[in-house]
Amino acid sequence: MKKLIANIKIILSPSYWVMNYPYSKEVDLFMIDLLDNYDFENIQQHTACLGGVKIWIENIPYACMWIYQGDCNILNLRPSRKTVYRGVKKLEQAKKNNTKQILLDLIKNKK
């Protein structure tokens, strides 16, 4: 049911209609593996690490969730819209968890 809802959201969201970079099945499978096995870490303004791989997380959704190195998309390829959607949701949850942890640490250190 979750997959069906995600697919409908992607189809009905104009922001997912136009994507930068061409789709690659290999990149999609690689990103799915990362999302299945790792959590986002070292979340910065434009990038985050996922399983030790630096991922571009800015420009959601049309140009995010691609492998980043230096100043560019090293492969000039992207995962599927569905994988981008899934990655964005996982990133949002990681940001929420990170914020909660920072607040808990501040409260703990204040005592």
PDB file of N, CA and C in Angstrom:
ATOM      1  N   MET A   1       0.809  -1.188   0.000  1.00  0.00           N
ATOM      2  CA  MET A   1       0.000   0.000   0.000  1.00  0.00           C
ATOM      3  C   MET A   1       0.861   1.264   0.000  1.00  0.00           C
ATOM      4  N   LYS A   2       1.970   1.247   0.799  1.00  0.00           N
ATOM      5  CA  LYS A   2       2.872   2.398   0.843  1.00  0.00           C
ATOM      6  C   LYS A   2       3.480   2.670  -0.533  1.00  0.00           C
ATOM      7  N   LYS A   3       3.833   1.589  -1.232  1.00  0.00           N
ATOM      8  CA  LYS A   3       4.428   1.746  -2.563  1.00  0.00           C
ATOM      9  C   LYS A   3       3.429   2.370  -3.530  1.00  0.00           C
ATOM     10  N   LEU A   4       2.182   1.946  -3.440  1.00  0.00           N
ATOM     11  CA  LEU A   4       1.142   2.497  -4.302  1.00  0.00           C
ATOM     12  C   LEU A   4       0.948   3.987  -4.025  1.00  0.00           C
ATOM     13  N   ILE A   5       0.900   4.360  -2.762  1.00  0.00           N
ATOM     14  CA  ILE A   5       0.734   5.768  -2.395  1.00  0.00           C
ATOM     15  C   ILE A   5       1.922   6.584  -2.880  1.00  0.00           C
ATOM     16  N   ALA A   6       3.143   6.053  -2.708  1.00  0.00           N
ATOM     17  CA  ALA A   6       4.340   6.759  -3.184  1.00  0.00           C
ATOM     18  C   ALA A   6       4.283   6.946  -4.694  1.00  0.00           C
ATOM     19  N   ASN A   7       3.890   5.915  -5.419  1.00  0.00           N
ATOM     20  CA  ASN A   7       3.796   6.023  -6.881  1.00  0.00           C
ATOM     21  C   ASN A   7       2.774   7.075  -7.301  1.00  0.00           C
ATOM     22  N   ILE A   8       1.650   7.121  -6.620  1.00  0.00           N
ATOM     23  CA  ILE A   8       0.620   8.112  -6.937  1.00  0.00           C
ATOM     24  C   ILE A   8       1.128   9.521  -6.648  1.00  0.00           C
ATOM     25  N   LYS A   9       1.812   9.698  -5.505  1.00  0.00           N
ATOM     26  CA  LYS A   9       2.364  11.018  -5.164  1.00  0.00           C
ATOM     27  C   LYS A   9       3.359  11.481  -6.223  1.00  0.00           C
ATOM     28  N   ILE A  10       4.194  10.578  -6.692  1.00  0.00           N
ATOM     29  CA  ILE A  10       5.186  10.933  -7.711  1.00  0.00           C
ATOM     30  C   ILE A  10       4.502  11.331  -9.009  1.00  0.00           C
ATOM     31  N   ILE A  11       3.517  10.557  -9.415  1.00  0.00           N
ATOM     32  CA  ILE A  11       2.799  10.839 -10.666  1.00  0.00           C
ATOM     33  C   ILE A  11       2.066  12.174 -10.587  1.00  0.00           C
ATOM     34  N   LEU A  12       1.496  12.494  -9.430  1.00  0.00           N
ATOM     35  CA  LEU A  12       0.697  13.703  -9.284  1.00  0.00           C
ATOM     36  C   LEU A  12       1.493  14.941  -8.875  1.00  0.00           C
ATOM     37  N   SER A  13       2.793  14.787  -8.639  1.00  0.00           N
ATOM     38  CA  SER A  13       3.635  15.917  -8.230  1.00  0.00           C
ATOM     39  C   SER A  13       4.422  16.457  -9.420  1.00  0.00           C
ATOM     40  N   PRO A  14       4.045  17.630  -9.907  1.00  0.00           N
ATOM     41  CA  PRO A  14       4.762  18.208 -11.058  1.00  0.00           C
ATOM     42  C   PRO A  14       6.265  18.355 -10.822  1.00  0.00           C
ATOM     43  N   SER A  15       6.675  18.528  -9.568  1.00  0.00           N
ATOM     44  CA  SER A  15       8.105  18.686  -9.292  1.00  0.00           C
ATOM     45  C   SER A  15       8.913  17.436  -9.632  1.00  0.00           C
ATOM     46  N   TYR A  16       8.255  16.291  -9.756  1.00  0.00           N
ATOM     47  CA  TYR A  16       8.939  15.050 -10.134  1.00  0.00           C
ATOM     48  C   TYR A  16       8.878  14.783 -11.645  1.00  0.00           C
ATOM     49  N   TRP A  17       8.165  15.585 -12.382  1.00  0.00           N
ATOM     50  CA  TRP A  17       8.007  15.329 -13.807  1.00  0.00           C
ATOM     51  C   TRP A  17       9.284  15.584 -14.597  1.00  0.00           C
ATOM     52  N   VAL A  18       9.994  16.651 -14.269  1.00  0.00           N
ATOM     53  CA  VAL A  18      11.224  16.996 -14.990  1.00  0.00           C
ATOM     54  C   VAL A  18      12.396  16.759 -14.050  1.00  0.00           C
ATOM     55  N   MET A  19      13.310  15.920 -14.473  1.00  0.00           N
ATOM     56  CA  MET A  19      14.472  15.585 -13.651  1.00  0.00           C
ATOM     57  C   MET A  19      15.748  15.919 -14.419  1.00  0.00           C
ATOM     58  N   ASN A  20      16.741  16.410 -13.692  1.00  0.00           N
ATOM     59  CA  ASN A  20      18.059  16.612 -14.296  1.00  0.00           C
ATOM     60  C   ASN A  20      18.740  15.248 -14.425  1.00  0.00           C
ATOM     61  N   TYR A  21      19.531  15.101 -15.431  1.00  0.00           N
ATOM     62  CA  TYR A  21      20.321  13.901 -15.699  1.00  0.00           C
ATOM     63  C   TYR A  21      19.444  12.730 -16.150  1.00  0.00           C
ATOM     64  N   PRO A  22      19.978  11.916 -17.010  1.00  0.00           N
ATOM     65  CA  PRO A  22      19.230  10.743 -17.479  1.00  0.00           C
ATOM     66  C   PRO A  22      19.189   9.638 -16.417  1.00  0.00           C
ATOM     67  N   TYR A  23      18.142   8.839 -16.476  1.00  0.00           N
ATOM     68  CA  TYR A  23      17.964   7.701 -15.574  1.00  0.00           C
ATOM     69  C   TYR A  23      18.970   6.606 -15.901  1.00  0.00           C
ATOM     70  N   SER A  24      19.449   5.930 -14.850  1.00  0.00           N
ATOM     71  CA  SER A  24      20.333   4.778 -15.004  1.00  0.00           C
ATOM     72  C   SER A  24      19.880   3.671 -14.063  1.00  0.00           C
ATOM     73  N   LYS A  25      19.609   2.517 -14.614  1.00  0.00           N
ATOM     74  CA  LYS A  25      19.199   1.370 -13.803  1.00  0.00           C
ATOM     75  C   LYS A  25      20.304   0.985 -12.821  1.00  0.00           C
ATOM     76  N   GLU A  26      21.564   1.042 -13.249  1.00  0.00           N
ATOM     77  CA  GLU A  26      22.681   0.678 -12.372  1.00  0.00           C
ATOM     78  C   GLU A  26      22.784   1.641 -11.187  1.00  0.00           C
ATOM     79  N   VAL A  27      22.646   2.936 -11.458  1.00  0.00           N
ATOM     80  CA  VAL A  27      22.683   3.930 -10.382  1.00  0.00           C
ATOM     81  C   VAL A  27      21.486   3.723  -9.457  1.00  0.00           C
ATOM     82  N   ASP A  28      20.334   3.423 -10.039  1.00  0.00           N
ATOM     83  CA  ASP A  28      19.134   3.183  -9.245  1.00  0.00           C
ATOM     84  C   ASP A  28      19.342   2.001  -8.301  1.00  0.00           C
ATOM     85  N   LEU A  29      19.847   0.895  -8.811  1.00  0.00           N
ATOM     86  CA  LEU A  29      20.083  -0.289  -7.972  1.00  0.00           C
ATOM     87  C   LEU A  29      21.118  -0.006  -6.889  1.00  0.00           C
ATOM     88  N   PHE A  30      22.151   0.747  -7.228  1.00  0.00           N
ATOM     89  CA  PHE A  30      23.184   1.116  -6.263  1.00  0.00           C
ATOM     90  C   PHE A  30      22.582   1.973  -5.151  1.00  0.00           C
ATOM     91  N   MET A  31      21.767   2.962  -5.530  1.00  0.00           N
ATOM     92  CA  MET A  31      21.155   3.844  -4.539  1.00  0.00           C
ATOM     93  C   MET A  31      20.152   3.080  -3.673  1.00  0.00           C
ATOM     94  N   ILE A  32      19.392   2.167  -4.270  1.00  0.00           N
ATOM     95  CA  ILE A  32      18.455   1.338  -3.494  1.00  0.00           C
ATOM     96  C   ILE A  32      19.219   0.527  -2.451  1.00  0.00           C
ATOM     97  N   ASP A  33      20.354  -0.047  -2.840  1.00  0.00           N
ATOM     98  CA  ASP A  33      21.178  -0.812  -1.903  1.00  0.00           C
ATOM     99  C   ASP A  33      21.651   0.076  -0.749  1.00  0.00           C
ATOM    100  N   LEU A  34      22.092   1.280  -1.066  1.00  0.00           N
ATOM    101  CA  LEU A  34      22.529   2.213  -0.016  1.00  0.00           C
ATOM    102  C   LEU A  34      21.371   2.556   0.918  1.00  0.00           C
ATOM    103  N   LEU A  35      20.210   2.858   0.348  1.00  0.00           N
ATOM    104  CA  LEU A  35      19.044   3.223   1.165  1.00  0.00           C
ATOM    105  C   LEU A  35      18.572   2.058   2.033  1.00  0.00           C
ATOM    106  N   ASP A  36      18.703   0.835   1.526  1.00  0.00           N
ATOM    107  CA  ASP A  36      18.292  -0.346   2.284  1.00  0.00           C
ATOM    108  C   ASP A  36      19.222  -0.633   3.460  1.00  0.00           C
ATOM    109  N   ASN A  37      20.497  -0.308   3.313  1.00  0.00           N
ATOM    110  CA  ASN A  37      21.488  -0.769   4.276  1.00  0.00           C
ATOM    111  C   ASN A  37      22.122   0.299   5.158  1.00  0.00           C
ATOM    112  N   TYR A  38      21.905   1.572   4.857  1.00  0.00           N
ATOM    113  CA  TYR A  38      22.581   2.631   5.600  1.00  0.00           C
ATOM    114  C   TYR A  38      21.630   3.778   5.916  1.00  0.00           C
ATOM    115  N   ASP A  39      22.043   4.584   6.879  1.00  0.00           N
ATOM    116  CA  ASP A  39      21.332   5.809   7.211  1.00  0.00           C
ATOM    117  C   ASP A  39      22.192   6.991   6.778  1.00  0.00           C
ATOM    118  N   PHE A  40      21.535   8.116   6.542  1.00  0.00           N
ATOM    119  CA  PHE A  40      22.271   9.323   6.178  1.00  0.00           C
ATOM    120  C   PHE A  40      23.085   9.802   7.370  1.00  0.00           C
ATOM    121  N   GLU A  41      24.317  10.198   7.096  1.00  0.00           N
ATOM    122  CA  GLU A  41      25.220  10.734   8.119  1.00  0.00           C
ATOM    123  C   GLU A  41      25.876  11.992   7.573  1.00  0.00           C
ATOM    124  N   ASN A  42      26.488  12.756   8.461  1.00  0.00           N
ATOM    125  CA  ASN A  42      27.230  13.951   8.070  1.00  0.00           C
ATOM    126  C   ASN A  42      26.398  14.820   7.114  1.00  0.00           C
ATOM    127  N   ILE A  43      25.187  15.127   7.526  1.00  0.00           N
ATOM    128  CA  ILE A  43      24.273  15.900   6.683  1.00  0.00           C
ATOM    129  C   ILE A  43      24.710  17.361   6.675  1.00  0.00           C
ATOM    130  N   GLN A  44      25.049  17.835   5.508  1.00  0.00           N
ATOM    131  CA  GLN A  44      25.451  19.225   5.306  1.00  0.00           C
ATOM    132  C   GLN A  44      24.364  19.942   4.512  1.00  0.00           C
ATOM    133  N   GLN A  45      24.638  21.169   4.100  1.00  0.00           N
ATOM    134  CA  GLN A  45      23.645  21.929   3.337  1.00  0.00           C
ATOM    135  C   GLN A  45      23.363  21.286   1.982  1.00  0.00           C
ATOM    136  N   HIS A  46      24.401  20.822   1.297  1.00  0.00           N
ATOM    137  CA  HIS A  46      24.241  20.313  -0.061  1.00  0.00           C
ATOM    138  C   HIS A  46      24.484  18.812  -0.200  1.00  0.00           C
ATOM    139  N   THR A  47      25.184  18.222   0.751  1.00  0.00           N
ATOM    140  CA  THR A  47      25.543  16.812   0.638  1.00  0.00           C
ATOM    141  C   THR A  47      25.318  16.076   1.959  1.00  0.00           C
ATOM    142  N   ALA A  48      25.283  14.755   1.847  1.00  0.00           N
ATOM    143  CA  ALA A  48      25.234  13.879   3.022  1.00  0.00           C
ATOM    144  C   ALA A  48      25.896  12.568   2.625  1.00  0.00           C
ATOM    145  N   CYS A  49      26.348  11.827   3.610  1.00  0.00           N
ATOM    146  CA  CYS A  49      26.961  10.532   3.335  1.00  0.00           C
ATOM    147  C   CYS A  49      25.942   9.420   3.573  1.00  0.00           C
ATOM    148  N   LEU A  50      25.974   8.453   2.712  1.00  0.00           N
ATOM    149  CA  LEU A  50      25.107   7.285   2.801  1.00  0.00           C
ATOM    150  C   LEU A  50      25.989   6.082   2.502  1.00  0.00           C
ATOM    151  N   GLY A  51      26.328   5.347   3.537  1.00  0.00           N
ATOM    152  CA  GLY A  51      27.207   4.197   3.363  1.00  0.00           C
ATOM    153  C   GLY A  51      28.592   4.576   2.884  1.00  0.00           C
ATOM    154  N   GLY A  52      29.076   5.723   3.327  1.00  0.00           N
ATOM    155  CA  GLY A  52      30.401   6.184   2.931  1.00  0.00           C
ATOM    156  C   GLY A  52      30.452   6.846   1.565  1.00  0.00           C
ATOM    157  N   VAL A  53      29.320   6.960   0.903  1.00  0.00           N
ATOM    158  CA  VAL A  53      29.251   7.582  -0.420  1.00  0.00           C
ATOM    159  C   VAL A  53      28.628   8.964  -0.261  1.00  0.00           C
ATOM    160  N   LYS A  54      29.287   9.979  -0.820  1.00  0.00           N
ATOM    161  CA  LYS A  54      28.755  11.334  -0.738  1.00  0.00           C
ATOM    162  C   LYS A  54      27.636  11.490  -1.760  1.00  0.00           C
ATOM    163  N   ILE A  55      26.483  11.948  -1.274  1.00  0.00           N
ATOM    164  CA  ILE A  55      25.282  12.084  -2.088  1.00  0.00           C
ATOM    165  C   ILE A  55      24.853  13.545  -2.112  1.00  0.00           C
ATOM    166  N   TRP A  56      24.491  14.050  -3.286  1.00  0.00           N
ATOM    167  CA  TRP A  56      23.961  15.409  -3.423  1.00  0.00           C
ATOM    168  C   TRP A  56      22.510  15.393  -2.944  1.00  0.00           C
ATOM    169  N   ILE A  57      22.175  16.259  -1.980  1.00  0.00           N
ATOM    170  CA  ILE A  57      20.829  16.259  -1.396  1.00  0.00           C
ATOM    171  C   ILE A  57      20.085  17.567  -1.621  1.00  0.00           C
ATOM    172  N   GLU A  58      20.683  18.497  -2.275  1.00  0.00           N
ATOM    173  CA  GLU A  58      20.052  19.784  -2.545  1.00  0.00           C
ATOM    174  C   GLU A  58      19.242  19.686  -3.835  1.00  0.00           C
ATOM    175  N   ASN A  59      18.478  20.698  -4.165  1.00  0.00           N
ATOM    176  CA  ASN A  59      17.660  20.741  -5.387  1.00  0.00           C
ATOM    177  C   ASN A  59      16.640  19.601  -5.434  1.00  0.00           C
ATOM    178  N   ILE A  60      15.926  19.443  -4.335  1.00  0.00           N
ATOM    179  CA  ILE A  60      14.924  18.387  -4.219  1.00  0.00           C
ATOM    180  C   ILE A  60      13.700  18.777  -5.028  1.00  0.00           C
ATOM    181  N   PRO A  61      13.123  17.903  -5.814  1.00  0.00           N
ATOM    182  CA  PRO A  61      13.537  16.545  -6.128  1.00  0.00           C
ATOM    183  C   PRO A  61      14.261  16.424  -7.462  1.00  0.00           C
ATOM    184  N   TYR A  62      14.249  17.484  -8.268  1.00  0.00           N
ATOM    185  CA  TYR A  62      14.666  17.346  -9.671  1.00  0.00           C
ATOM    186  C   TYR A  62      16.149  17.066  -9.883  1.00  0.00           C
ATOM    187  N   ALA A  63      16.986  17.349  -8.893  1.00  0.00           N
ATOM    188  CA  ALA A  63      18.421  17.138  -9.088  1.00  0.00           C
ATOM    189  C   ALA A  63      19.105  16.688  -7.800  1.00  0.00           C
ATOM    190  N   CYS A  64      18.499  15.737  -7.114  1.00  0.00           N
ATOM    191  CA  CYS A  64      19.111  15.255  -5.875  1.00  0.00           C
ATOM    192  C   CYS A  64      19.266  13.736  -5.928  1.00  0.00           C
ATOM    193  N   MET A  65      19.922  13.220  -4.912  1.00  0.00           N
ATOM    194  CA  MET A  65      20.152  11.778  -4.749  1.00  0.00           C
ATOM    195  C   MET A  65      21.054  11.198  -5.826  1.00  0.00           C
ATOM    196  N   TRP A  66      22.072  11.971  -6.190  1.00  0.00           N
ATOM    197  CA  TRP A  66      23.062  11.416  -7.102  1.00  0.00           C
ATOM    198  C   TRP A  66      24.433  11.437  -6.454  1.00  0.00           C
ATOM    199  N   ILE A  67      25.324  10.605  -6.946  1.00  0.00           N
ATOM    200  CA  ILE A  67      26.663  10.447  -6.383  1.00  0.00           C
ATOM    201  C   ILE A  67      27.473  11.696  -6.703  1.00  0.00           C
ATOM    202  N   TYR A  68      28.007  12.304  -5.660  1.00  0.00           N
ATOM    203  CA  TYR A  68      28.673  13.602  -5.774  1.00  0.00           C
ATOM    204  C   TYR A  68      30.164  13.450  -5.501  1.00  0.00           C
ATOM    205  N   GLN A  69      30.945  14.087  -6.344  1.00  0.00           N
ATOM    206  CA  GLN A  69      32.386  14.133  -6.112  1.00  0.00           C
ATOM    207  C   GLN A  69      32.896  15.463  -6.611  1.00  0.00           C
ATOM    208  N   GLY A  70      33.538  16.210  -5.735  1.00  0.00           N
ATOM    209  CA  GLY A  70      34.038  17.521  -6.134  1.00  0.00           C
ATOM    210  C   GLY A  70      32.896  18.463  -6.442  1.00  0.00           C
ATOM    211  N   ASP A  71      32.854  18.958  -7.648  1.00  0.00           N
ATOM    212  CA  ASP A  71      31.830  19.918  -8.044  1.00  0.00           C
ATOM    213  C   ASP A  71      30.815  19.335  -9.005  1.00  0.00           C
ATOM    214  N   CYS A  72      30.729  18.025  -9.104  1.00  0.00           N
ATOM    215  CA  CYS A  72      29.871  17.508 -10.173  1.00  0.00           C
ATOM    216  C   CYS A  72      29.276  16.142  -9.844  1.00  0.00           C
ATOM    217  N   ASN A  73      28.300  15.791 -10.655  1.00  0.00           N
ATOM    218  CA  ASN A  73      27.724  14.453 -10.668  1.00  0.00           C
ATOM    219  C   ASN A  73      28.706  13.631 -11.495  1.00  0.00           C
ATOM    220  N   ILE A  74      29.477  12.778 -10.841  1.00  0.00           N
ATOM    221  CA  ILE A  74      30.576  12.106 -11.543  1.00  0.00           C
ATOM    222  C   ILE A  74      30.101  11.193 -12.666  1.00  0.00           C
ATOM    223  N   LEU A  75      28.865  10.726 -12.583  1.00  0.00           N
ATOM    224  CA  LEU A  75      28.368   9.831 -13.616  1.00  0.00           C
ATOM    225  C   LEU A  75      27.407  10.520 -14.580  1.00  0.00           C
ATOM    226  N   ASN A  76      26.924  11.724 -14.212  1.00  0.00           N
ATOM    227  CA  ASN A  76      25.888  12.415 -14.981  1.00  0.00           C
ATOM    228  C   ASN A  76      24.663  11.532 -15.179  1.00  0.00           C
ATOM    229  N   LEU A  77      24.336  10.757 -14.142  1.00  0.00           N
ATOM    230  CA  LEU A  77      23.193   9.852 -14.164  1.00  0.00           C
ATOM    231  C   LEU A  77      22.453   9.966 -12.844  1.00  0.00           C
ATOM    232  N   ARG A  78      21.209   9.514 -12.822  1.00  0.00           N
ATOM    233  CA  ARG A  78      20.406   9.600 -11.609  1.00  0.00           C
ATOM    234  C   ARG A  78      19.612   8.309 -11.407  1.00  0.00           C
ATOM    235  N   PRO A  79      19.139   8.103 -10.163  1.00  0.00           N
ATOM    236  CA  PRO A  79      18.247   6.979  -9.911  1.00  0.00           C
ATOM    237  C   PRO A  79      16.833   7.300 -10.384  1.00  0.00           C
ATOM    238  N   SER A  80      15.929   6.368 -10.217  1.00  0.00           N
ATOM    239  CA  SER A  80      14.531   6.558 -10.617  1.00  0.00           C
ATOM    240  C   SER A  80      13.850   7.594  -9.732  1.00  0.00           C
ATOM    241  N   ARG A  81      12.752   8.120 -10.220  1.00  0.00           N
ATOM    242  CA  ARG A  81      11.963   9.070  -9.436  1.00  0.00           C
ATOM    243  C   ARG A  81      11.498   8.435  -8.115  1.00  0.00           C
ATOM    244  N   LYS A  82      11.130   7.186  -8.185  1.00  0.00           N
ATOM    245  CA  LYS A  82      10.681   6.464  -6.991  1.00  0.00           C
ATOM    246  C   LYS A  82      11.808   6.370  -5.958  1.00  0.00           C
ATOM    247  N   THR A  83      13.020   6.104  -6.404  1.00  0.00           N
ATOM    248  CA  THR A  83      14.163   6.026  -5.498  1.00  0.00           C
ATOM    249  C   THR A  83      14.506   7.405  -4.952  1.00  0.00           C
ATOM    250  N   VAL A  84      14.404   8.429  -5.779  1.00  0.00           N
ATOM    251  CA  VAL A  84      14.626   9.802  -5.304  1.00  0.00           C
ATOM    252  C   VAL A  84      13.611  10.120  -4.209  1.00  0.00           C
ATOM    253  N   TYR A  85      12.350   9.808  -4.454  1.00  0.00           N
ATOM    254  CA  TYR A  85      11.294  10.050  -3.470  1.00  0.00           C
ATOM    255  C   TYR A  85      11.618   9.330  -2.154  1.00  0.00           C
ATOM    256  N   ARG A  86      11.991   8.083  -2.268  1.00  0.00           N
ATOM    257  CA  ARG A  86      12.336   7.291  -1.080  1.00  0.00           C
ATOM    258  C   ARG A  86      13.536   7.884  -0.347  1.00  0.00           C
ATOM    259  N   GLY A  87      14.538   8.309  -1.101  1.00  0.00           N
ATOM    260  CA  GLY A  87      15.719   8.919  -0.501  1.00  0.00           C
ATOM    261  C   GLY A  87      15.393  10.227   0.208  1.00  0.00           C
ATOM    262  N   VAL A  88      14.535  11.031  -0.392  1.00  0.00           N
ATOM    263  CA  VAL A  88      14.134  12.306   0.221  1.00  0.00           C
ATOM    264  C   VAL A  88      13.406  12.043   1.540  1.00  0.00           C
ATOM    265  N   LYS A  89      12.514  11.057   1.558  1.00  0.00           N
ATOM    266  CA  LYS A  89      11.795  10.717   2.790  1.00  0.00           C
ATOM    267  C   LYS A  89      12.761  10.235   3.874  1.00  0.00           C
ATOM    268  N   LYS A  90      13.729   9.418   3.485  1.00  0.00           N
ATOM    269  CA  LYS A  90      14.709   8.917   4.458  1.00  0.00           C
ATOM    270  C   LYS A  90      15.586  10.060   4.969  1.00  0.00           C
ATOM    271  N   LEU A  91      15.943  10.976   4.096  1.00  0.00           N
ATOM    272  CA  LEU A  91      16.742  12.140   4.479  1.00  0.00           C
ATOM    273  C   LEU A  91      15.958  13.026   5.453  1.00  0.00           C
ATOM    274  N   GLU A  92      14.682  13.267   5.164  1.00  0.00           N
ATOM    275  CA  GLU A  92      13.850  14.073   6.062  1.00  0.00           C
ATOM    276  C   GLU A  92      13.794  13.454   7.455  1.00  0.00           C
ATOM    277  N   GLN A  93      13.644  12.135   7.524  1.00  0.00           N
ATOM    278  CA  GLN A  93      13.612  11.458   8.821  1.00  0.00           C
ATOM    279  C   GLN A  93      14.955  11.586   9.532  1.00  0.00           C
ATOM    280  N   ALA A  94      16.046  11.459   8.799  1.00  0.00           N
ATOM    281  CA  ALA A  94      17.379  11.598   9.402  1.00  0.00           C
ATOM    282  C   ALA A  94      17.580  13.005   9.952  1.00  0.00           C
ATOM    283  N   LYS A  95      17.099  14.009   9.224  1.00  0.00           N
ATOM    284  CA  LYS A  95      17.212  15.393   9.706  1.00  0.00           C
ATOM    285  C   LYS A  95      16.397  15.592  10.979  1.00  0.00           C
ATOM    286  N   LYS A  96      15.201  15.019  11.039  1.00  0.00           N
ATOM    287  CA  LYS A  96      14.374  15.115  12.248  1.00  0.00           C
ATOM    288  C   LYS A  96      15.075  14.443  13.429  1.00  0.00           C
ATOM    289  N   ASN A  97      15.607  13.253  13.197  1.00  0.00           N
ATOM    290  CA  ASN A  97      16.303  12.531  14.261  1.00  0.00           C
ATOM    291  C   ASN A  97      17.521  13.307  14.732  1.00  0.00           C
ATOM    292  N   ASN A  98      18.248  13.915  13.806  1.00  0.00           N
ATOM    293  CA  ASN A  98      19.434  14.689  14.131  1.00  0.00           C
ATOM    294  C   ASN A  98      19.053  15.909  14.982  1.00  0.00           C
ATOM    295  N   THR A  99      17.969  16.588  14.613  1.00  0.00           N
ATOM    296  CA  THR A  99      17.504  17.749  15.367  1.00  0.00           C
ATOM    297  C   THR A  99      17.101  17.351  16.776  1.00  0.00           C
ATOM    298  N   LYS A 100      16.380  16.242  16.902  1.00  0.00           N
ATOM    299  CA  LYS A 100      15.972  15.761  18.218  1.00  0.00           C
ATOM    300  C   LYS A 100      17.191  15.453  19.083  1.00  0.00           C
ATOM    301  N   GLN A 101      18.196  14.827  18.494  1.00  0.00           N
ATOM    302  CA  GLN A 101      19.401  14.476  19.248  1.00  0.00           C
ATOM    303  C   GLN A 101      20.149  15.723  19.700  1.00  0.00           C
ATOM    304  N   ILE A 102      20.232  16.720  18.856  1.00  0.00           N
ATOM    305  CA  ILE A 102      20.901  17.970  19.229  1.00  0.00           C
ATOM    306  C   ILE A 102      20.171  18.615  20.403  1.00  0.00           C
ATOM    307  N   LEU A 103      18.842  18.661  20.335  1.00  0.00           N
ATOM    308  CA  LEU A 103      18.061  19.242  21.428  1.00  0.00           C
ATOM    309  C   LEU A 103      18.242  18.459  22.723  1.00  0.00           C
ATOM    310  N   LEU A 104      18.214  17.136  22.642  1.00  0.00           N
ATOM    311  CA  LEU A 104      18.424  16.321  23.838  1.00  0.00           C
ATOM    312  C   LEU A 104      19.810  16.552  24.432  1.00  0.00           C
ATOM    313  N   ASP A 105      20.813  16.664  23.584  1.00  0.00           N
ATOM    314  CA  ASP A 105      22.179  16.931  24.053  1.00  0.00           C
ATOM    315  C   ASP A 105      22.271  18.295  24.726  1.00  0.00           C
ATOM    316  N   LEU A 106      21.600  19.304  24.160  1.00  0.00           N
ATOM    317  CA  LEU A 106      21.614  20.636  24.756  1.00  0.00           C
ATOM    318  C   LEU A 106      20.946  20.617  26.139  1.00  0.00           C
ATOM    319  N   ILE A 107      19.820  19.933  26.237  1.00  0.00           N
ATOM    320  CA  ILE A 107      19.119  19.833  27.514  1.00  0.00           C
ATOM    321  C   ILE A 107      19.978  19.096  28.534  1.00  0.00           C
ATOM    322  N   LYS A 108      20.598  18.023  28.104  1.00  0.00           N
ATOM    323  CA  LYS A 108      21.449  17.218  28.991  1.00  0.00           C
ATOM    324  C   LYS A 108      22.635  18.033  29.490  1.00  0.00           C
ATOM    325  N   ASN A 109      23.275  18.787  28.599  1.00  0.00           N
ATOM    326  CA  ASN A 109      24.455  19.572  28.976  1.00  0.00           C
ATOM    327  C   ASN A 109      24.093  20.786  29.815  1.00  0.00           C
ATOM    328  N   LYS A 110      22.877  21.247  29.737  1.00  0.00           N
ATOM    329  CA  LYS A 110      22.448  22.417  30.494  1.00  0.00           C
ATOM    330  C   LYS A 110      22.235  22.084  31.970  1.00  0.00           C
ATOM    331  N   LYS A 111      21.950  20.830  32.247  1.00  0.00           N
ATOM    332  CA  LYS A 111      21.685  20.413  33.634  1.00  0.00           C
ATOM    333  C   LYS A 111      22.926  20.374  34.464  1.00  0.00           C
TER     334      LYS A 111
END
